[in-house]
Amino acid sequence: MKKFLLSLCILFCSFPSSWAQKNEEATIKNVLEIQRLAWHKGNLEEYMQAYWQNDSLMFIGKSGITYGWKQTLENYKKNYPDNCNG
């Protein structure tokens, strides 16, 4: 009986962790899908909403490190002018 209760306890203790992981995975996939759609619409501002909007954002790209959300957005606009909505 003790083994059964212990097994049941372990099962219930692991369930919330597994549920949270699936929920987090769904959230991440949703953010990536929003970004994908925004990119294909050419809406860089919408695309950038998933990024940390802070001066301490560090983005590493082909030209090196860029600091700051606004500067990262400006770099996207400069490097991908065909995607800009004007």
PDB file of N, CA and C in Angstrom:
ATOM      1  N   MET A   1       0.818  -1.192   0.000  1.00  0.00           N
ATOM      2  CA  MET A   1       0.000   0.000   0.000  1.00  0.00           C
ATOM      3  C   MET A   1       0.865   1.261   0.000  1.00  0.00           C
ATOM      4  N   LYS A   2       1.982   1.208   0.767  1.00  0.00           N
ATOM      5  CA  LYS A   2       2.872   2.365   0.827  1.00  0.00           C
ATOM      6  C   LYS A   2       3.474   2.663  -0.547  1.00  0.00           C
ATOM      7  N   LYS A   3       3.857   1.602  -1.268  1.00  0.00           N
ATOM      8  CA  LYS A   3       4.422   1.787  -2.599  1.00  0.00           C
ATOM      9  C   LYS A   3       3.392   2.406  -3.542  1.00  0.00           C
ATOM     10  N   PHE A   4       2.150   1.978  -3.407  1.00  0.00           N
ATOM     11  CA  PHE A   4       1.089   2.524  -4.251  1.00  0.00           C
ATOM     12  C   PHE A   4       0.897   4.012  -3.968  1.00  0.00           C
ATOM     13  N   LEU A   5       0.843   4.380  -2.712  1.00  0.00           N
ATOM     14  CA  LEU A   5       0.663   5.789  -2.337  1.00  0.00           C
ATOM     15  C   LEU A   5       1.853   6.629  -2.787  1.00  0.00           C
ATOM     16  N   LEU A   6       3.047   6.082  -2.637  1.00  0.00           N
ATOM     17  CA  LEU A   6       4.242   6.787  -3.075  1.00  0.00           C
ATOM     18  C   LEU A   6       4.214   6.996  -4.593  1.00  0.00           C
ATOM     19  N   SER A   7       3.833   5.965  -5.333  1.00  0.00           N
ATOM     20  CA  SER A   7       3.733   6.075  -6.788  1.00  0.00           C
ATOM     21  C   SER A   7       2.677   7.100  -7.184  1.00  0.00           C
ATOM     22  N   LEU A   8       1.569   7.091  -6.496  1.00  0.00           N
ATOM     23  CA  LEU A   8       0.495   8.043  -6.771  1.00  0.00           C
ATOM     24  C   LEU A   8       0.951   9.479  -6.486  1.00  0.00           C
ATOM     25  N   CYS A   9       1.672   9.643  -5.396  1.00  0.00           N
ATOM     26  CA  CYS A   9       2.199  10.961  -5.031  1.00  0.00           C
ATOM     27  C   CYS A   9       3.183  11.467  -6.090  1.00  0.00           C
ATOM     28  N   ILE A  10       4.062  10.608  -6.538  1.00  0.00           N
ATOM     29  CA  ILE A  10       5.042  10.979  -7.567  1.00  0.00           C
ATOM     30  C   ILE A  10       4.323  11.349  -8.863  1.00  0.00           C
ATOM     31  N   LEU A  11       3.300  10.590  -9.220  1.00  0.00           N
ATOM     32  CA  LEU A  11       2.540  10.871 -10.428  1.00  0.00           C
ATOM     33  C   LEU A  11       1.887  12.250 -10.348  1.00  0.00           C
ATOM     34  N   PHE A  12       1.238  12.557  -9.233  1.00  0.00           N
ATOM     35  CA  PHE A  12       0.574  13.843  -9.092  1.00  0.00           C
ATOM     36  C   PHE A  12       1.561  15.000  -8.997  1.00  0.00           C
ATOM     37  N   CYS A  13       2.712  14.762  -8.411  1.00  0.00           N
ATOM     38  CA  CYS A  13       3.720  15.817  -8.299  1.00  0.00           C
ATOM     39  C   CYS A  13       4.344  16.142  -9.656  1.00  0.00           C
ATOM     40  N   SER A  14       4.441  15.175 -10.535  1.00  0.00           N
ATOM     41  CA  SER A  14       5.050  15.423 -11.835  1.00  0.00           C
ATOM     42  C   SER A  14       4.051  16.005 -12.835  1.00  0.00           C
ATOM     43  N   PHE A  15       2.771  15.835 -12.604  1.00  0.00           N
ATOM     44  CA  PHE A  15       1.763  16.320 -13.547  1.00  0.00           C
ATOM     45  C   PHE A  15       1.796  17.832 -13.738  1.00  0.00           C
ATOM     46  N   PRO A  16       1.801  18.644 -12.678  1.00  0.00           N
ATOM     47  CA  PRO A  16       1.817  20.101 -12.903  1.00  0.00           C
ATOM     48  C   PRO A  16       3.033  20.565 -13.695  1.00  0.00           C
ATOM     49  N   SER A  17       4.172  19.954 -13.471  1.00  0.00           N
ATOM     50  CA  SER A  17       5.388  20.326 -14.190  1.00  0.00           C
ATOM     51  C   SER A  17       5.234  20.036 -15.675  1.00  0.00           C
ATOM     52  N   SER A  18       4.694  18.899 -16.010  1.00  0.00           N
ATOM     53  CA  SER A  18       4.505  18.526 -17.405  1.00  0.00           C
ATOM     54  C   SER A  18       3.468  19.431 -18.061  1.00  0.00           C
ATOM     55  N   TRP A  19       2.409  19.767 -17.363  1.00  0.00           N
ATOM     56  CA  TRP A  19       1.388  20.664 -17.893  1.00  0.00           C
ATOM     57  C   TRP A  19       1.975  22.049 -18.129  1.00  0.00           C
ATOM     58  N   ALA A  20       2.762  22.551 -17.176  1.00  0.00           N
ATOM     59  CA  ALA A  20       3.368  23.879 -17.314  1.00  0.00           C
ATOM     60  C   ALA A  20       4.307  23.915 -18.511  1.00  0.00           C
ATOM     61  N   GLN A  21       5.067  22.855 -18.719  1.00  0.00           N
ATOM     62  CA  GLN A  21       5.998  22.805 -19.844  1.00  0.00           C
ATOM     63  C   GLN A  21       5.234  22.861 -21.171  1.00  0.00           C
ATOM     64  N   LYS A  22       4.139  22.128 -21.277  1.00  0.00           N
ATOM     65  CA  LYS A  22       3.343  22.148 -22.504  1.00  0.00           C
ATOM     66  C   LYS A  22       2.732  23.526 -22.713  1.00  0.00           C
ATOM     67  N   ASN A  23       2.299  24.178 -21.637  1.00  0.00           N
ATOM     68  CA  ASN A  23       1.729  25.510 -21.720  1.00  0.00           C
ATOM     69  C   ASN A  23       2.780  26.515 -22.178  1.00  0.00           C
ATOM     70  N   GLU A  24       3.984  26.421 -21.633  1.00  0.00           N
ATOM     71  CA  GLU A  24       5.072  27.311 -22.034  1.00  0.00           C
ATOM     72  C   GLU A  24       5.440  27.093 -23.505  1.00  0.00           C
ATOM     73  N   GLU A  25       5.466  25.853 -23.917  1.00  0.00           N
ATOM     74  CA  GLU A  25       5.782  25.535 -25.311  1.00  0.00           C
ATOM     75  C   GLU A  25       4.737  26.144 -26.245  1.00  0.00           C
ATOM     76  N   ALA A  26       3.473  26.046 -25.877  1.00  0.00           N
ATOM     77  CA  ALA A  26       2.403  26.623 -26.695  1.00  0.00           C
ATOM     78  C   ALA A  26       2.531  28.143 -26.757  1.00  0.00           C
ATOM     79  N   THR A  27       2.891  28.757 -25.640  1.00  0.00           N
ATOM     80  CA  THR A  27       3.065  30.212 -25.603  1.00  0.00           C
ATOM     81  C   THR A  27       4.198  30.641 -26.525  1.00  0.00           C
ATOM     82  N   ILE A  28       5.312  29.930 -26.472  1.00  0.00           N
ATOM     83  CA  ILE A  28       6.463  30.250 -27.330  1.00  0.00           C
ATOM     84  C   ILE A  28       6.095  30.089 -28.800  1.00  0.00           C
ATOM     85  N   LYS A  29       5.408  29.000 -29.136  1.00  0.00           N
ATOM     86  CA  LYS A  29       4.997  28.780 -30.521  1.00  0.00           C
ATOM     87  C   LYS A  29       4.057  29.887 -30.987  1.00  0.00           C
ATOM     88  N   ASN A  30       3.188  30.355 -30.108  1.00  0.00           N
ATOM     89  CA  ASN A  30       2.274  31.433 -30.452  1.00  0.00           C
ATOM     90  C   ASN A  30       3.030  32.723 -30.756  1.00  0.00           C
ATOM     91  N   VAL A  31       4.009  33.054 -29.919  1.00  0.00           N
ATOM     92  CA  VAL A  31       4.817  34.258 -30.143  1.00  0.00           C
ATOM     93  C   VAL A  31       5.557  34.160 -31.479  1.00  0.00           C
ATOM     94  N   LEU A  32       6.136  33.010 -31.758  1.00  0.00           N
ATOM     95  CA  LEU A  32       6.857  32.830 -33.021  1.00  0.00           C
ATOM     96  C   LEU A  32       5.918  32.938 -34.225  1.00  0.00           C
ATOM     97  N   GLU A  33       4.696  32.446 -34.082  1.00  0.00           N
ATOM     98  CA  GLU A  33       3.734  32.546 -35.188  1.00  0.00           C
ATOM     99  C   GLU A  33       3.328  34.009 -35.408  1.00  0.00           C
ATOM    100  N   ILE A  34       3.125  34.754 -34.338  1.00  0.00           N
ATOM    101  CA  ILE A  34       2.806  36.181 -34.456  1.00  0.00           C
ATOM    102  C   ILE A  34       3.955  36.903 -35.153  1.00  0.00           C
ATOM    103  N   GLN A  35       5.179  36.578 -34.767  1.00  0.00           N
ATOM    104  CA  GLN A  35       6.336  37.190 -35.416  1.00  0.00           C
ATOM    105  C   GLN A  35       6.415  36.815 -36.894  1.00  0.00           C
ATOM    106  N   ARG A  36       6.171  35.569 -37.213  1.00  0.00           N
ATOM    107  CA  ARG A  36       6.225  35.118 -38.606  1.00  0.00           C
ATOM    108  C   ARG A  36       5.223  35.887 -39.461  1.00  0.00           C
ATOM    109  N   LEU A  37       4.000  35.993 -38.954  1.00  0.00           N
ATOM    110  CA  LEU A  37       2.960  36.703 -39.703  1.00  0.00           C
ATOM    111  C   LEU A  37       3.298  38.181 -39.865  1.00  0.00           C
ATOM    112  N   ALA A  38       3.798  38.795 -38.796  1.00  0.00           N
ATOM    113  CA  ALA A  38       4.177  40.216 -38.859  1.00  0.00           C
ATOM    114  C   ALA A  38       5.295  40.421 -39.869  1.00  0.00           C
ATOM    115  N   TRP A  39       6.279  39.537 -39.869  1.00  0.00           N
ATOM    116  CA  TRP A  39       7.403  39.650 -40.806  1.00  0.00           C
ATOM    117  C   TRP A  39       6.901  39.589 -42.252  1.00  0.00           C
ATOM    118  N   HIS A  40       6.026  38.640 -42.528  1.00  0.00           N
ATOM    119  CA  HIS A  40       5.527  38.472 -43.892  1.00  0.00           C
ATOM    120  C   HIS A  40       4.588  39.595 -44.322  1.00  0.00           C
ATOM    121  N   LYS A  41       4.004  40.295 -43.348  1.00  0.00           N
ATOM    122  CA  LYS A  41       3.202  41.485 -43.671  1.00  0.00           C
ATOM    123  C   LYS A  41       4.101  42.705 -43.853  1.00  0.00           C
ATOM    124  N   GLY A  42       5.372  42.569 -43.476  1.00  0.00           N
ATOM    125  CA  GLY A  42       6.287  43.706 -43.548  1.00  0.00           C
ATOM    126  C   GLY A  42       6.131  44.656 -42.375  1.00  0.00           C
ATOM    127  N   ASN A  43       5.548  44.179 -41.290  1.00  0.00           N
ATOM    128  CA  ASN A  43       5.300  45.015 -40.128  1.00  0.00           C
ATOM    129  C   ASN A  43       6.378  44.756 -39.074  1.00  0.00           C
ATOM    130  N   LEU A  44       7.477  45.491 -39.185  1.00  0.00           N
ATOM    131  CA  LEU A  44       8.608  45.266 -38.279  1.00  0.00           C
ATOM    132  C   LEU A  44       8.301  45.685 -36.848  1.00  0.00           C
ATOM    133  N   GLU A  45       7.460  46.708 -36.667  1.00  0.00           N
ATOM    134  CA  GLU A  45       7.094  47.129 -35.318  1.00  0.00           C
ATOM    135  C   GLU A  45       6.342  46.016 -34.586  1.00  0.00           C
ATOM    136  N   GLU A  46       5.413  45.374 -35.301  1.00  0.00           N
ATOM    137  CA  GLU A  46       4.677  44.256 -34.712  1.00  0.00           C
ATOM    138  C   GLU A  46       5.615  43.081 -34.455  1.00  0.00           C
ATOM    139  N   TYR A  47       6.500  42.824 -35.394  1.00  0.00           N
ATOM    140  CA  TYR A  47       7.485  41.753 -35.256  1.00  0.00           C
ATOM    141  C   TYR A  47       8.318  41.947 -33.990  1.00  0.00           C
ATOM    142  N   MET A  48       8.694  43.189 -33.735  1.00  0.00           N
ATOM    143  CA  MET A  48       9.583  43.505 -32.600  1.00  0.00           C
ATOM    144  C   MET A  48       8.872  43.497 -31.245  1.00  0.00           C
ATOM    145  N   GLN A  49       7.560  43.364 -31.220  1.00  0.00           N
ATOM    146  CA  GLN A  49       6.844  43.373 -29.943  1.00  0.00           C
ATOM    147  C   GLN A  49       7.270  42.213 -29.043  1.00  0.00           C
ATOM    148  N   ALA A  50       7.764  41.144 -29.608  1.00  0.00           N
ATOM    149  CA  ALA A  50       8.199  39.994 -28.809  1.00  0.00           C
ATOM    150  C   ALA A  50       9.533  40.238 -28.119  1.00  0.00           C
ATOM    151  N   TYR A  51      10.260  41.259 -28.587  1.00  0.00           N
ATOM    152  CA  TYR A  51      11.563  41.572 -27.998  1.00  0.00           C
ATOM    153  C   TYR A  51      11.389  42.381 -26.707  1.00  0.00           C
ATOM    154  N   TRP A  52      12.356  42.273 -25.829  1.00  0.00           N
ATOM    155  CA  TRP A  52      12.388  43.029 -24.580  1.00  0.00           C
ATOM    156  C   TRP A  52      12.543  44.504 -24.932  1.00  0.00           C
ATOM    157  N   GLN A  53      11.583  45.322 -24.590  1.00  0.00           N
ATOM    158  CA  GLN A  53      11.611  46.738 -24.948  1.00  0.00           C
ATOM    159  C   GLN A  53      12.365  47.520 -23.880  1.00  0.00           C
ATOM    160  N   ASN A  54      13.681  47.437 -23.975  1.00  0.00           N
ATOM    161  CA  ASN A  54      14.555  48.019 -22.973  1.00  0.00           C
ATOM    162  C   ASN A  54      15.868  48.427 -23.635  1.00  0.00           C
ATOM    163  N   ASP A  55      16.495  49.463 -23.082  1.00  0.00           N
ATOM    164  CA  ASP A  55      17.799  49.898 -23.597  1.00  0.00           C
ATOM    165  C   ASP A  55      18.889  48.858 -23.378  1.00  0.00           C
ATOM    166  N   SER A  56      18.636  47.908 -22.493  1.00  0.00           N
ATOM    167  CA  SER A  56      19.633  46.870 -22.206  1.00  0.00           C
ATOM    168  C   SER A  56      19.511  45.643 -23.112  1.00  0.00           C
ATOM    169  N   LEU A  57      18.544  45.654 -24.021  1.00  0.00           N
ATOM    170  CA  LEU A  57      18.434  44.545 -24.981  1.00  0.00           C
ATOM    171  C   LEU A  57      19.757  44.432 -25.730  1.00  0.00           C
ATOM    172  N   MET A  58      20.269  43.231 -25.836  1.00  0.00           N
ATOM    173  CA  MET A  58      21.496  42.991 -26.595  1.00  0.00           C
ATOM    174  C   MET A  58      21.144  42.060 -27.753  1.00  0.00           C
ATOM    175  N   PHE A  59      21.303  42.570 -28.970  1.00  0.00           N
ATOM    176  CA  PHE A  59      20.995  41.802 -30.174  1.00  0.00           C
ATOM    177  C   PHE A  59      22.296  41.565 -30.919  1.00  0.00           C
ATOM    178  N   ILE A  60      22.568  40.315 -31.255  1.00  0.00           N
ATOM    179  CA  ILE A  60      23.790  39.979 -31.974  1.00  0.00           C
ATOM    180  C   ILE A  60      23.415  39.610 -33.401  1.00  0.00           C
ATOM    181  N   GLY A  61      23.905  40.396 -34.342  1.00  0.00           N
ATOM    182  CA  GLY A  61      23.615  40.174 -35.749  1.00  0.00           C
ATOM    183  C   GLY A  61      24.886  40.144 -36.568  1.00  0.00           C
ATOM    184  N   LYS A  62      24.726  40.209 -37.874  1.00  0.00           N
ATOM    185  CA  LYS A  62      25.872  40.102 -38.774  1.00  0.00           C
ATOM    186  C   LYS A  62      26.864  41.244 -38.606  1.00  0.00           C
ATOM    187  N   SER A  63      26.400  42.389 -38.120  1.00  0.00           N
ATOM    188  CA  SER A  63      27.289  43.544 -37.926  1.00  0.00           C
ATOM    189  C   SER A  63      27.835  43.640 -36.510  1.00  0.00           C
ATOM    190  N   GLY A  64      27.537  42.660 -35.699  1.00  0.00           N
ATOM    191  CA  GLY A  64      28.021  42.672 -34.321  1.00  0.00           C
ATOM    192  C   GLY A  64      26.885  42.874 -33.327  1.00  0.00           C
ATOM    193  N   ILE A  65      27.197  43.482 -32.198  1.00  0.00           N
ATOM    194  CA  ILE A  65      26.239  43.650 -31.116  1.00  0.00           C
ATOM    195  C   ILE A  65      25.543  44.998 -31.239  1.00  0.00           C
ATOM    196  N   THR A  66      24.232  44.972 -31.065  1.00  0.00           N
ATOM    197  CA  THR A  66      23.427  46.190 -31.003  1.00  0.00           C
ATOM    198  C   THR A  66      22.773  46.212 -29.634  1.00  0.00           C
ATOM    199  N   TYR A  67      22.789  47.373 -28.986  1.00  0.00           N
ATOM    200  CA  TYR A  67      22.124  47.527 -27.696  1.00  0.00           C
ATOM    201  C   TYR A  67      20.883  48.385 -27.858  1.00  0.00           C
ATOM    202  N   GLY A  68      19.809  47.954 -27.213  1.00  0.00           N
ATOM    203  CA  GLY A  68      18.588  48.732 -27.171  1.00  0.00           C
ATOM    204  C   GLY A  68      17.537  48.277 -28.171  1.00  0.00           C
ATOM    205  N   TRP A  69      16.274  48.310 -27.718  1.00  0.00           N
ATOM    206  CA  TRP A  69      15.149  47.894 -28.548  1.00  0.00           C
ATOM    207  C   TRP A  69      14.983  48.819 -29.747  1.00  0.00           C
ATOM    208  N   LYS A  70      15.024  50.120 -29.506  1.00  0.00           N
ATOM    209  CA  LYS A  70      14.821  51.082 -30.591  1.00  0.00           C
ATOM    210  C   LYS A  70      15.910  50.959 -31.659  1.00  0.00           C
ATOM    211  N   GLN A  71      17.152  50.804 -31.228  1.00  0.00           N
ATOM    212  CA  GLN A  71      18.244  50.673 -32.196  1.00  0.00           C
ATOM    213  C   GLN A  71      18.131  49.376 -32.984  1.00  0.00           C
ATOM    214  N   THR A  72      17.681  48.317 -32.317  1.00  0.00           N
ATOM    215  CA  THR A  72      17.484  47.045 -33.015  1.00  0.00           C
ATOM    216  C   THR A  72      16.401  47.188 -34.078  1.00  0.00           C
ATOM    217  N   LEU A  73      15.310  47.864 -33.740  1.00  0.00           N
ATOM    218  CA  LEU A  73      14.250  48.111 -34.714  1.00  0.00           C
ATOM    219  C   LEU A  73      14.770  48.940 -35.877  1.00  0.00           C
ATOM    220  N   GLU A  74      15.545  49.986 -35.580  1.00  0.00           N
ATOM    221  CA  GLU A  74      16.108  50.819 -36.648  1.00  0.00           C
ATOM    222  C   GLU A  74      17.027  50.007 -37.558  1.00  0.00           C
ATOM    223  N   ASN A  75      17.801  49.111 -36.978  1.00  0.00           N
ATOM    224  CA  ASN A  75      18.677  48.253 -37.788  1.00  0.00           C
ATOM    225  C   ASN A  75      17.861  47.337 -38.706  1.00  0.00           C
ATOM    226  N   TYR A  76      16.758  46.791 -38.180  1.00  0.00           N
ATOM    227  CA  TYR A  76      15.887  45.968 -39.024  1.00  0.00           C
ATOM    228  C   TYR A  76      15.364  46.798 -40.192  1.00  0.00           C
ATOM    229  N   LYS A  77      14.913  48.021 -39.907  1.00  0.00           N
ATOM    230  CA  LYS A  77      14.373  48.875 -40.965  1.00  0.00           C
ATOM    231  C   LYS A  77      15.434  49.205 -42.010  1.00  0.00           C
ATOM    232  N   LYS A  78      16.657  49.431 -41.540  1.00  0.00           N
ATOM    233  CA  LYS A  78      17.759  49.763 -42.466  1.00  0.00           C
ATOM    234  C   LYS A  78      18.157  48.544 -43.298  1.00  0.00           C
ATOM    235  N   ASN A  79      18.237  47.387 -42.661  1.00  0.00           N
ATOM    236  CA  ASN A  79      18.734  46.190 -43.340  1.00  0.00           C
ATOM    237  C   ASN A  79      17.667  45.445 -44.143  1.00  0.00           C
ATOM    238  N   TYR A  80      16.391  45.705 -43.843  1.00  0.00           N
ATOM    239  CA  TYR A  80      15.294  45.039 -44.556  1.00  0.00           C
ATOM    240  C   TYR A  80      14.287  46.092 -45.020  1.00  0.00           C
ATOM    241  N   PRO A  81      14.725  47.041 -45.876  1.00  0.00           N
ATOM    242  CA  PRO A  81      13.839  48.148 -46.263  1.00  0.00           C
ATOM    243  C   PRO A  81      12.591  47.697 -47.030  1.00  0.00           C
ATOM    244  N   ASP A  82      12.650  46.579 -47.713  1.00  0.00           N
ATOM    245  CA  ASP A  82      11.495  46.100 -48.448  1.00  0.00           C
ATOM    246  C   ASP A  82      10.375  45.626 -47.530  1.00  0.00           C
ATOM    247  N   ASN A  83      10.723  45.341 -46.256  1.00  0.00           N
ATOM    248  CA  ASN A  83       9.716  44.862 -45.313  1.00  0.00           C
ATOM    249  C   ASN A  83       9.013  45.983 -44.573  1.00  0.00           C
ATOM    250  N   CYS A  84       9.502  47.214 -44.703  1.00  0.00           N
ATOM    251  CA  CYS A  84       8.938  48.330 -43.951  1.00  0.00           C
ATOM    252  C   CYS A  84       7.622  48.792 -44.560  1.00  0.00           C
ATOM    253  N   ASN A  85       6.729  49.207 -43.688  1.00  0.00           N
ATOM    254  CA  ASN A  85       5.452  49.753 -44.151  1.00  0.00           C
ATOM    255  C   ASN A  85       5.523  51.248 -44.391  1.00  0.00           C
ATOM    256  N   GLY A  86       6.700  51.802 -44.447  1.00  0.00           N
ATOM    257  CA  GLY A  86       6.828  53.212 -44.750  1.00  0.00           C
ATOM    258  C   GLY A  86       7.142  54.067 -43.640  1.00  0.00           C
TER     259      GLY A  86
END
